[in-house]
Amino acid sequence: MYRFQLIIKEWTNRVFGEHYGTGYRNLLGVSEEVGELCHAHLKGEQQITYSPAKVRELKMDAVGDILIFLCNYCDSQGLHIDDCADFAYKNIEGRAYIKK
């Protein structure tokens, strides 16, 4: 298992116990955090509510939490997050969207 995913698995088991189930809780967590990331991004674009430093902090927190939930989801499904990223990249690496 890859290092980051293993660290997250050990932390999750220590803090919450093993309760991966079907993974739906982790998918809900990803969805919630994507909403938080969108909120931070929107407020940054609007330049209201938060300072640029706070917007950056909120974005970093949301992205980090998304990664944690995705690691736990992968564990529940017998996947390695690095393998998923490699698989996705291999499907897109030859694409070119810029017209020349």
PDB file of N, CA and C in Angstrom:
ATOM      1  N   MET A   1       0.848  -1.181   0.000  1.00  0.00           N
ATOM      2  CA  MET A   1       0.000   0.000   0.000  1.00  0.00           C
ATOM      3  C   MET A   1       0.890   1.240   0.000  1.00  0.00           C
ATOM      4  N   TYR A   2       0.431   2.261  -0.631  1.00  0.00           N
ATOM      5  CA  TYR A   2       1.221   3.473  -0.762  1.00  0.00           C
ATOM      6  C   TYR A   2       1.276   4.237   0.550  1.00  0.00           C
ATOM      7  N   ARG A   3       2.345   4.941   0.741  1.00  0.00           N
ATOM      8  CA  ARG A   3       2.663   5.564   2.030  1.00  0.00           C
ATOM      9  C   ARG A   3       1.555   6.468   2.568  1.00  0.00           C
ATOM     10  N   PHE A   4       1.100   7.440   1.784  1.00  0.00           N
ATOM     11  CA  PHE A   4       0.078   8.365   2.274  1.00  0.00           C
ATOM     12  C   PHE A   4      -1.203   7.621   2.626  1.00  0.00           C
ATOM     13  N   GLN A   5      -1.624   6.724   1.763  1.00  0.00           N
ATOM     14  CA  GLN A   5      -2.845   5.966   2.017  1.00  0.00           C
ATOM     15  C   GLN A   5      -2.692   5.106   3.266  1.00  0.00           C
ATOM     16  N   LEU A   6      -1.524   4.538   3.468  1.00  0.00           N
ATOM     17  CA  LEU A   6      -1.278   3.719   4.651  1.00  0.00           C
ATOM     18  C   LEU A   6      -1.308   4.573   5.921  1.00  0.00           C
ATOM     19  N   ILE A   7      -0.694   5.748   5.883  1.00  0.00           N
ATOM     20  CA  ILE A   7      -0.719   6.655   7.040  1.00  0.00           C
ATOM     21  C   ILE A   7      -2.161   7.017   7.380  1.00  0.00           C
ATOM     22  N   ILE A   8      -2.960   7.327   6.374  1.00  0.00           N
ATOM     23  CA  ILE A   8      -4.354   7.698   6.593  1.00  0.00           C
ATOM     24  C   ILE A   8      -5.143   6.511   7.143  1.00  0.00           C
ATOM     25  N   LYS A   9      -4.885   5.327   6.614  1.00  0.00           N
ATOM     26  CA  LYS A   9      -5.587   4.134   7.107  1.00  0.00           C
ATOM     27  C   LYS A   9      -5.276   3.897   8.582  1.00  0.00           C
ATOM     28  N   GLU A  10      -4.005   3.991   8.938  1.00  0.00           N
ATOM     29  CA  GLU A  10      -3.623   3.782  10.338  1.00  0.00           C
ATOM     30  C   GLU A  10      -4.261   4.831  11.242  1.00  0.00           C
ATOM     31  N   TRP A  11      -4.262   6.089  10.812  1.00  0.00           N
ATOM     32  CA  TRP A  11      -4.873   7.162  11.601  1.00  0.00           C
ATOM     33  C   TRP A  11      -6.381   6.935  11.750  1.00  0.00           C
ATOM     34  N   THR A  12      -7.048   6.605  10.642  1.00  0.00           N
ATOM     35  CA  THR A  12      -8.491   6.383  10.667  1.00  0.00           C
ATOM     36  C   THR A  12      -8.856   5.242  11.597  1.00  0.00           C
ATOM     37  N   ASN A  13      -8.119   4.148  11.502  1.00  0.00           N
ATOM     38  CA  ASN A  13      -8.392   3.003  12.375  1.00  0.00           C
ATOM     39  C   ASN A  13      -8.181   3.357  13.846  1.00  0.00           C
ATOM     40  N   ARG A  14      -7.156   4.147  14.121  1.00  0.00           N
ATOM     41  CA  ARG A  14      -6.866   4.536  15.503  1.00  0.00           C
ATOM     42  C   ARG A  14      -7.939   5.483  16.047  1.00  0.00           C
ATOM     43  N   VAL A  15      -8.386   6.401  15.243  1.00  0.00           N
ATOM     44  CA  VAL A  15      -9.314   7.438  15.703  1.00  0.00           C
ATOM     45  C   VAL A  15     -10.775   6.992  15.627  1.00  0.00           C
ATOM     46  N   PHE A  16     -11.146   6.282  14.557  1.00  0.00           N
ATOM     47  CA  PHE A  16     -12.547   5.922  14.340  1.00  0.00           C
ATOM     48  C   PHE A  16     -12.822   4.433  14.421  1.00  0.00           C
ATOM     49  N   GLY A  17     -11.785   3.609  14.367  1.00  0.00           N
ATOM     50  CA  GLY A  17     -11.981   2.170  14.283  1.00  0.00           C
ATOM     51  C   GLY A  17     -12.255   1.775  12.840  1.00  0.00           C
ATOM     52  N   GLU A  18     -12.251   0.489  12.585  1.00  0.00           N
ATOM     53  CA  GLU A  18     -12.485   0.019  11.219  1.00  0.00           C
ATOM     54  C   GLU A  18     -13.986  -0.016  10.958  1.00  0.00           C
ATOM     55  N   HIS A  19     -14.457   0.862  10.107  1.00  0.00           N
ATOM     56  CA  HIS A  19     -15.873   0.884   9.736  1.00  0.00           C
ATOM     57  C   HIS A  19     -16.046   1.373   8.302  1.00  0.00           C
ATOM     58  N   TYR A  20     -15.313   0.764   7.410  1.00  0.00           N
ATOM     59  CA  TYR A  20     -15.361   1.228   6.023  1.00  0.00           C
ATOM     60  C   TYR A  20     -16.684   0.902   5.342  1.00  0.00           C
ATOM     61  N   GLY A  21     -17.275  -0.240   5.677  1.00  0.00           N
ATOM     62  CA  GLY A  21     -18.534  -0.606   5.041  1.00  0.00           C
ATOM     63  C   GLY A  21     -18.428  -0.579   3.531  1.00  0.00           C
ATOM     64  N   THR A  22     -19.448  -0.025   2.905  1.00  0.00           N
ATOM     65  CA  THR A  22     -19.479   0.037   1.447  1.00  0.00           C
ATOM     66  C   THR A  22     -18.785   1.275   0.917  1.00  0.00           C
ATOM     67  N   GLY A  23     -18.391   2.159   1.793  1.00  0.00           N
ATOM     68  CA  GLY A  23     -17.690   3.363   1.376  1.00  0.00           C
ATOM     69  C   GLY A  23     -18.577   4.581   1.231  1.00  0.00           C
ATOM     70  N   TYR A  24     -19.889   4.418   1.459  1.00  0.00           N
ATOM     71  CA  TYR A  24     -20.783   5.552   1.220  1.00  0.00           C
ATOM     72  C   TYR A  24     -20.483   6.731   2.137  1.00  0.00           C
ATOM     73  N   ARG A  25     -20.058   6.487   3.370  1.00  0.00           N
ATOM     74  CA  ARG A  25     -19.730   7.598   4.273  1.00  0.00           C
ATOM     75  C   ARG A  25     -18.568   8.416   3.727  1.00  0.00           C
ATOM     76  N   ASN A  26     -17.608   7.739   3.150  1.00  0.00           N
ATOM     77  CA  ASN A  26     -16.467   8.440   2.574  1.00  0.00           C
ATOM     78  C   ASN A  26     -16.861   9.215   1.320  1.00  0.00           C
ATOM     79  N   LEU A  27     -17.774   8.671   0.531  1.00  0.00           N
ATOM     80  CA  LEU A  27     -18.249   9.413  -0.640  1.00  0.00           C
ATOM     81  C   LEU A  27     -19.017  10.660  -0.204  1.00  0.00           C
ATOM     82  N   LEU A  28     -19.821  10.531   0.833  1.00  0.00           N
ATOM     83  CA  LEU A  28     -20.519  11.700   1.357  1.00  0.00           C
ATOM     84  C   LEU A  28     -19.525  12.732   1.882  1.00  0.00           C
ATOM     85  N   GLY A  29     -18.468  12.256   2.525  1.00  0.00           N
ATOM     86  CA  GLY A  29     -17.431  13.159   3.018  1.00  0.00           C
ATOM     87  C   GLY A  29     -16.743  13.901   1.890  1.00  0.00           C
ATOM     88  N   VAL A  30     -16.445  13.193   0.794  1.00  0.00           N
ATOM     89  CA  VAL A  30     -15.841  13.840  -0.372  1.00  0.00           C
ATOM     90  C   VAL A  30     -16.780  14.930  -0.884  1.00  0.00           C
ATOM     91  N   SER A  31     -18.048  14.601  -0.995  1.00  0.00           N
ATOM     92  CA  SER A  31     -19.029  15.572  -1.498  1.00  0.00           C
ATOM     93  C   SER A  31     -19.112  16.800  -0.618  1.00  0.00           C
ATOM     94  N   GLU A  32     -19.126  16.591   0.684  1.00  0.00           N
ATOM     95  CA  GLU A  32     -19.179  17.720   1.612  1.00  0.00           C
ATOM     96  C   GLU A  32     -17.954  18.613   1.448  1.00  0.00           C
ATOM     97  N   GLU A  33     -16.790  18.000   1.365  1.00  0.00           N
ATOM     98  CA  GLU A  33     -15.554  18.769   1.252  1.00  0.00           C
ATOM     99  C   GLU A  33     -15.437  19.480  -0.096  1.00  0.00           C
ATOM    100  N   VAL A  34     -15.948  18.883  -1.160  1.00  0.00           N
ATOM    101  CA  VAL A  34     -15.960  19.568  -2.452  1.00  0.00           C
ATOM    102  C   VAL A  34     -16.835  20.819  -2.344  1.00  0.00           C
ATOM    103  N   GLY A  35     -17.934  20.716  -1.629  1.00  0.00           N
ATOM    104  CA  GLY A  35     -18.768  21.890  -1.391  1.00  0.00           C
ATOM    105  C   GLY A  35     -18.011  22.973  -0.638  1.00  0.00           C
ATOM    106  N   GLU A  36     -17.239  22.584   0.362  1.00  0.00           N
ATOM    107  CA  GLU A  36     -16.446  23.553   1.117  1.00  0.00           C
ATOM    108  C   GLU A  36     -15.369  24.191   0.231  1.00  0.00           C
ATOM    109  N   LEU A  37     -14.767  23.384  -0.641  1.00  0.00           N
ATOM    110  CA  LEU A  37     -13.768  23.916  -1.562  1.00  0.00           C
ATOM    111  C   LEU A  37     -14.407  24.918  -2.523  1.00  0.00           C
ATOM    112  N   CYS A  38     -15.584  24.586  -3.033  1.00  0.00           N
ATOM    113  CA  CYS A  38     -16.293  25.506  -3.928  1.00  0.00           C
ATOM    114  C   CYS A  38     -16.635  26.807  -3.211  1.00  0.00           C
ATOM    115  N   HIS A  39     -17.050  26.704  -1.969  1.00  0.00           N
ATOM    116  CA  HIS A  39     -17.368  27.900  -1.190  1.00  0.00           C
ATOM    117  C   HIS A  39     -16.139  28.793  -1.040  1.00  0.00           C
ATOM    118  N   ALA A  40     -15.026  28.193  -0.664  1.00  0.00           N
ATOM    119  CA  ALA A  40     -13.788  28.965  -0.496  1.00  0.00           C
ATOM    120  C   ALA A  40     -13.357  29.595  -1.822  1.00  0.00           C
ATOM    121  N   HIS A  41     -13.443  28.828  -2.889  1.00  0.00           N
ATOM    122  CA  HIS A  41     -13.046  29.342  -4.191  1.00  0.00           C
ATOM    123  C   HIS A  41     -13.937  30.522  -4.604  1.00  0.00           C
ATOM    124  N   LEU A  42     -15.226  30.356  -4.422  1.00  0.00           N
ATOM    125  CA  LEU A  42     -16.169  31.417  -4.779  1.00  0.00           C
ATOM    126  C   LEU A  42     -15.882  32.694  -4.004  1.00  0.00           C
ATOM    127  N   LYS A  43     -15.674  32.565  -2.697  1.00  0.00           N
ATOM    128  CA  LYS A  43     -15.404  33.757  -1.885  1.00  0.00           C
ATOM    129  C   LYS A  43     -14.080  34.389  -2.286  1.00  0.00           C
ATOM    130  N   GLY A  44     -13.133  33.574  -2.690  1.00  0.00           N
ATOM    131  CA  GLY A  44     -11.865  34.111  -3.187  1.00  0.00           C
ATOM    132  C   GLY A  44     -12.049  34.861  -4.497  1.00  0.00           C
ATOM    133  N   GLU A  45     -12.853  34.297  -5.392  1.00  0.00           N
ATOM    134  CA  GLU A  45     -13.133  34.968  -6.663  1.00  0.00           C
ATOM    135  C   GLU A  45     -13.870  36.287  -6.436  1.00  0.00           C
ATOM    136  N   GLN A  46     -14.809  36.257  -5.502  1.00  0.00           N
ATOM    137  CA  GLN A  46     -15.596  37.458  -5.205  1.00  0.00           C
ATOM    138  C   GLN A  46     -14.821  38.467  -4.362  1.00  0.00           C
ATOM    139  N   GLN A  47     -13.751  38.005  -3.761  1.00  0.00           N
ATOM    140  CA  GLN A  47     -12.930  38.821  -2.862  1.00  0.00           C
ATOM    141  C   GLN A  47     -13.765  39.414  -1.724  1.00  0.00           C
ATOM    142  N   ILE A  48     -14.620  38.549  -1.158  1.00  0.00           N
ATOM    143  CA  ILE A  48     -15.436  38.953  -0.015  1.00  0.00           C
ATOM    144  C   ILE A  48     -15.324  37.915   1.089  1.00  0.00           C
ATOM    145  N   THR A  49     -15.707  38.277   2.256  1.00  0.00           N
ATOM    146  CA  THR A  49     -15.821  37.412   3.431  1.00  0.00           C
ATOM    147  C   THR A  49     -14.480  37.045   4.047  1.00  0.00           C
ATOM    148  N   TYR A  50     -13.533  36.572   3.235  1.00  0.00           N
ATOM    149  CA  TYR A  50     -12.254  36.103   3.755  1.00  0.00           C
ATOM    150  C   TYR A  50     -11.089  36.839   3.099  1.00  0.00           C
ATOM    151  N   SER A  51     -10.008  36.914   3.846  1.00  0.00           N
ATOM    152  CA  SER A  51      -8.762  37.442   3.276  1.00  0.00           C
ATOM    153  C   SER A  51      -8.186  36.411   2.310  1.00  0.00           C
ATOM    154  N   PRO A  52      -7.306  36.825   1.405  1.00  0.00           N
ATOM    155  CA  PRO A  52      -6.662  35.845   0.515  1.00  0.00           C
ATOM    156  C   PRO A  52      -5.945  34.735   1.288  1.00  0.00           C
ATOM    157  N   ALA A  53      -5.325  35.075   2.392  1.00  0.00           N
ATOM    158  CA  ALA A  53      -4.635  34.056   3.195  1.00  0.00           C
ATOM    159  C   ALA A  53      -5.632  33.051   3.769  1.00  0.00           C
ATOM    160  N   LYS A  54      -6.781  33.534   4.213  1.00  0.00           N
ATOM    161  CA  LYS A  54      -7.809  32.643   4.769  1.00  0.00           C
ATOM    162  C   LYS A  54      -8.407  31.774   3.675  1.00  0.00           C
ATOM    163  N   VAL A  55      -8.626  32.338   2.498  1.00  0.00           N
ATOM    164  CA  VAL A  55      -9.139  31.560   1.363  1.00  0.00           C
ATOM    165  C   VAL A  55      -8.175  30.425   1.037  1.00  0.00           C
ATOM    166  N   ARG A  56      -6.879  30.732   0.994  1.00  0.00           N
ATOM    167  CA  ARG A  56      -5.871  29.698   0.729  1.00  0.00           C
ATOM    168  C   ARG A  56      -5.921  28.605   1.794  1.00  0.00           C
ATOM    169  N   GLU A  57      -6.032  28.999   3.042  1.00  0.00           N
ATOM    170  CA  GLU A  57      -6.117  28.040   4.151  1.00  0.00           C
ATOM    171  C   GLU A  57      -7.352  27.149   4.002  1.00  0.00           C
ATOM    172  N   LEU A  58      -8.492  27.745   3.682  1.00  0.00           N
ATOM    173  CA  LEU A  58      -9.725  26.972   3.514  1.00  0.00           C
ATOM    174  C   LEU A  58      -9.624  26.004   2.337  1.00  0.00           C
ATOM    175  N   LYS A  59      -8.995  26.445   1.249  1.00  0.00           N
ATOM    176  CA  LYS A  59      -8.799  25.570   0.096  1.00  0.00           C
ATOM    177  C   LYS A  59      -7.893  24.396   0.447  1.00  0.00           C
ATOM    178  N   MET A  60      -6.802  24.680   1.129  1.00  0.00           N
ATOM    179  CA  MET A  60      -5.862  23.626   1.504  1.00  0.00           C
ATOM    180  C   MET A  60      -6.535  22.610   2.429  1.00  0.00           C
ATOM    181  N   ASP A  61      -7.317  23.095   3.374  1.00  0.00           N
ATOM    182  CA  ASP A  61      -8.033  22.212   4.298  1.00  0.00           C
ATOM    183  C   ASP A  61      -9.005  21.313   3.536  1.00  0.00           C
ATOM    184  N   ALA A  62      -9.771  21.907   2.621  1.00  0.00           N
ATOM    185  CA  ALA A  62     -10.749  21.117   1.876  1.00  0.00           C
ATOM    186  C   ALA A  62     -10.079  20.085   0.979  1.00  0.00           C
ATOM    187  N   VAL A  63      -9.034  20.480   0.261  1.00  0.00           N
ATOM    188  CA  VAL A  63      -8.329  19.535  -0.618  1.00  0.00           C
ATOM    189  C   VAL A  63      -7.719  18.402   0.213  1.00  0.00           C
ATOM    190  N   GLY A  64      -7.106  18.747   1.332  1.00  0.00           N
ATOM    191  CA  GLY A  64      -6.541  17.716   2.202  1.00  0.00           C
ATOM    192  C   GLY A  64      -7.595  16.748   2.704  1.00  0.00           C
ATOM    193  N   ASP A  65      -8.749  17.282   3.122  1.00  0.00           N
ATOM    194  CA  ASP A  65      -9.830  16.411   3.600  1.00  0.00           C
ATOM    195  C   ASP A  65     -10.376  15.536   2.475  1.00  0.00           C
ATOM    196  N   ILE A  66     -10.464  16.084   1.264  1.00  0.00           N
ATOM    197  CA  ILE A  66     -10.900  15.284   0.117  1.00  0.00           C
ATOM    198  C   ILE A  66      -9.953  14.102  -0.088  1.00  0.00           C
ATOM    199  N   LEU A  67      -8.655  14.361  -0.017  1.00  0.00           N
ATOM    200  CA  LEU A  67      -7.671  13.285  -0.191  1.00  0.00           C
ATOM    201  C   LEU A  67      -7.813  12.222   0.894  1.00  0.00           C
ATOM    202  N   ILE A  68      -8.049  12.655   2.118  1.00  0.00           N
ATOM    203  CA  ILE A  68      -8.224  11.703   3.218  1.00  0.00           C
ATOM    204  C   ILE A  68      -9.459  10.840   2.992  1.00  0.00           C
ATOM    205  N   PHE A  69     -10.578  11.476   2.650  1.00  0.00           N
ATOM    206  CA  PHE A  69     -11.793  10.694   2.379  1.00  0.00           C
ATOM    207  C   PHE A  69     -11.591   9.756   1.192  1.00  0.00           C
ATOM    208  N   LEU A  70     -10.873  10.209   0.162  1.00  0.00           N
ATOM    209  CA  LEU A  70     -10.626   9.344  -0.995  1.00  0.00           C
ATOM    210  C   LEU A  70      -9.740   8.155  -0.632  1.00  0.00           C
ATOM    211  N   CYS A  71      -8.749   8.387   0.221  1.00  0.00           N
ATOM    212  CA  CYS A  71      -7.916   7.264   0.688  1.00  0.00           C
ATOM    213  C   CYS A  71      -8.771   6.241   1.414  1.00  0.00           C
ATOM    214  N   ASN A  72      -9.646   6.707   2.300  1.00  0.00           N
ATOM    215  CA  ASN A  72     -10.512   5.787   3.037  1.00  0.00           C
ATOM    216  C   ASN A  72     -11.494   5.079   2.103  1.00  0.00           C
ATOM    217  N   TYR A  73     -12.005   5.796   1.104  1.00  0.00           N
ATOM    218  CA  TYR A  73     -12.878   5.154   0.123  1.00  0.00           C
ATOM    219  C   TYR A  73     -12.122   4.057  -0.619  1.00  0.00           C
ATOM    220  N   CYS A  74     -10.912   4.368  -1.066  1.00  0.00           N
ATOM    221  CA  CYS A  74     -10.102   3.367  -1.764  1.00  0.00           C
ATOM    222  C   CYS A  74      -9.870   2.143  -0.896  1.00  0.00           C
ATOM    223  N   ASP A  75      -9.568   2.364   0.387  1.00  0.00           N
ATOM    224  CA  ASP A  75      -9.391   1.229   1.293  1.00  0.00           C
ATOM    225  C   ASP A  75     -10.651   0.371   1.343  1.00  0.00           C
ATOM    226  N   SER A  76     -11.804   1.012   1.397  1.00  0.00           N
ATOM    227  CA  SER A  76     -13.061   0.263   1.507  1.00  0.00           C
ATOM    228  C   SER A  76     -13.345  -0.543   0.250  1.00  0.00           C
ATOM    229  N   GLN A  77     -12.747  -0.135  -0.869  1.00  0.00           N
ATOM    230  CA  GLN A  77     -13.007  -0.793  -2.145  1.00  0.00           C
ATOM    231  C   GLN A  77     -11.846  -1.657  -2.634  1.00  0.00           C
ATOM    232  N   GLY A  78     -10.793  -1.760  -1.827  1.00  0.00           N
ATOM    233  CA  GLY A  78      -9.634  -2.554  -2.219  1.00  0.00           C
ATOM    234  C   GLY A  78      -8.818  -1.918  -3.333  1.00  0.00           C
ATOM    235  N   LEU A  79      -8.816  -0.597  -3.375  1.00  0.00           N
ATOM    236  CA  LEU A  79      -8.071   0.137  -4.393  1.00  0.00           C
ATOM    237  C   LEU A  79      -6.896   0.872  -3.768  1.00  0.00           C
ATOM    238  N   HIS A  80      -5.900   1.161  -4.581  1.00  0.00           N
ATOM    239  CA  HIS A  80      -4.798   2.020  -4.152  1.00  0.00           C
ATOM    240  C   HIS A  80      -4.961   3.341  -4.882  1.00  0.00           C
ATOM    241  N   ILE A  81      -4.927   4.420  -4.146  1.00  0.00           N
ATOM    242  CA  ILE A  81      -5.181   5.734  -4.727  1.00  0.00           C
ATOM    243  C   ILE A  81      -4.158   6.072  -5.827  1.00  0.00           C
ATOM    244  N   ASP A  82      -2.916   5.665  -5.650  1.00  0.00           N
ATOM    245  CA  ASP A  82      -1.897   5.919  -6.672  1.00  0.00           C
ATOM    246  C   ASP A  82      -2.222   5.168  -7.966  1.00  0.00           C
ATOM    247  N   ASP A  83      -2.713   3.932  -7.829  1.00  0.00           N
ATOM    248  CA  ASP A  83      -3.100   3.163  -9.020  1.00  0.00           C
ATOM    249  C   ASP A  83      -4.242   3.858  -9.750  1.00  0.00           C
ATOM    250  N   CYS A  84      -5.185   4.413  -8.999  1.00  0.00           N
ATOM    251  CA  CYS A  84      -6.313   5.136  -9.612  1.00  0.00           C
ATOM    252  C   CYS A  84      -5.813   6.351 -10.380  1.00  0.00           C
ATOM    253  N   ALA A  85      -4.892   7.089  -9.768  1.00  0.00           N
ATOM    254  CA  ALA A  85      -4.341   8.275 -10.433  1.00  0.00           C
ATOM    255  C   ALA A  85      -3.555   7.876 -11.683  1.00  0.00           C
ATOM    256  N   ASP A  86      -2.753   6.824 -11.586  1.00  0.00           N
ATOM    257  CA  ASP A  86      -1.996   6.351 -12.750  1.00  0.00           C
ATOM    258  C   ASP A  86      -2.927   5.902 -13.874  1.00  0.00           C
ATOM    259  N   PHE A  87      -3.975   5.177 -13.515  1.00  0.00           N
ATOM    260  CA  PHE A  87      -4.949   4.695 -14.491  1.00  0.00           C
ATOM    261  C   PHE A  87      -5.600   5.870 -15.210  1.00  0.00           C
ATOM    262  N   ALA A  88      -6.034   6.861 -14.448  1.00  0.00           N
ATOM    263  CA  ALA A  88      -6.681   8.036 -15.049  1.00  0.00           C
ATOM    264  C   ALA A  88      -5.710   8.784 -15.949  1.00  0.00           C
ATOM    265  N   TYR A  89      -4.473   8.946 -15.497  1.00  0.00           N
ATOM    266  CA  TYR A  89      -3.500   9.677 -16.308  1.00  0.00           C
ATOM    267  C   TYR A  89      -3.228   8.965 -17.626  1.00  0.00           C
ATOM    268  N   LYS A  90      -3.122   7.649 -17.585  1.00  0.00           N
ATOM    269  CA  LYS A  90      -2.864   6.894 -18.815  1.00  0.00           C
ATOM    270  C   LYS A  90      -3.998   7.076 -19.816  1.00  0.00           C
ATOM    271  N   ASN A  91      -5.207   7.326 -19.325  1.00  0.00           N
ATOM    272  CA  ASN A  91      -6.347   7.547 -20.215  1.00  0.00           C
ATOM    273  C   ASN A  91      -6.370   8.952 -20.817  1.00  0.00           C
ATOM    274  N   ILE A  92      -5.673   9.891 -20.212  1.00  0.00           N
ATOM    275  CA  ILE A  92      -5.724  11.270 -20.710  1.00  0.00           C
ATOM    276  C   ILE A  92      -4.405  11.781 -21.276  1.00  0.00           C
ATOM    277  N   GLU A  93      -3.304  11.076 -21.034  1.00  0.00           N
ATOM    278  CA  GLU A  93      -1.988  11.633 -21.364  1.00  0.00           C
ATOM    279  C   GLU A  93      -1.796  11.972 -22.823  1.00  0.00           C
ATOM    280  N   GLY A  94      -2.487  11.302 -23.710  1.00  0.00           N
ATOM    281  CA  GLY A  94      -2.306  11.577 -25.130  1.00  0.00           C
ATOM    282  C   GLY A  94      -3.276  12.611 -25.688  1.00  0.00           C
ATOM    283  N   ARG A  95      -4.167  13.106 -24.856  1.00  0.00           N
ATOM    284  CA  ARG A  95      -5.157  14.064 -25.334  1.00  0.00           C
ATOM    285  C   ARG A  95      -4.542  15.436 -25.536  1.00  0.00           C
ATOM    286  N   ALA A  96      -5.052  16.133 -26.538  1.00  0.00           N
ATOM    287  CA  ALA A  96      -4.615  17.507 -26.801  1.00  0.00           C
ATOM    288  C   ALA A  96      -5.861  18.345 -27.036  1.00  0.00           C
ATOM    289  N   TYR A  97      -6.075  19.324 -26.187  1.00  0.00           N
ATOM    290  CA  TYR A  97      -7.267  20.149 -26.304  1.00  0.00           C
ATOM    291  C   TYR A  97      -6.989  21.521 -26.898  1.00  0.00           C
ATOM    292  N   ILE A  98      -5.741  21.855 -27.077  1.00  0.00           N
ATOM    293  CA  ILE A  98      -5.386  23.149 -27.647  1.00  0.00           C
ATOM    294  C   ILE A  98      -5.290  22.991 -29.152  1.00  0.00           C
ATOM    295  N   LYS A  99      -6.044  23.790 -29.877  1.00  0.00           N
ATOM    296  CA  LYS A  99      -5.983  23.748 -31.333  1.00  0.00           C
ATOM    297  C   LYS A  99      -4.715  24.438 -31.795  1.00  0.00           C
ATOM    298  N   LYS A 100      -4.055  23.836 -32.764  1.00  0.00           N
ATOM    299  CA  LYS A 100      -2.803  24.417 -33.270  1.00  0.00           C
ATOM    300  C   LYS A 100      -2.971  24.820 -34.701  1.00  0.00           C
TER     301      LYS A 100
END
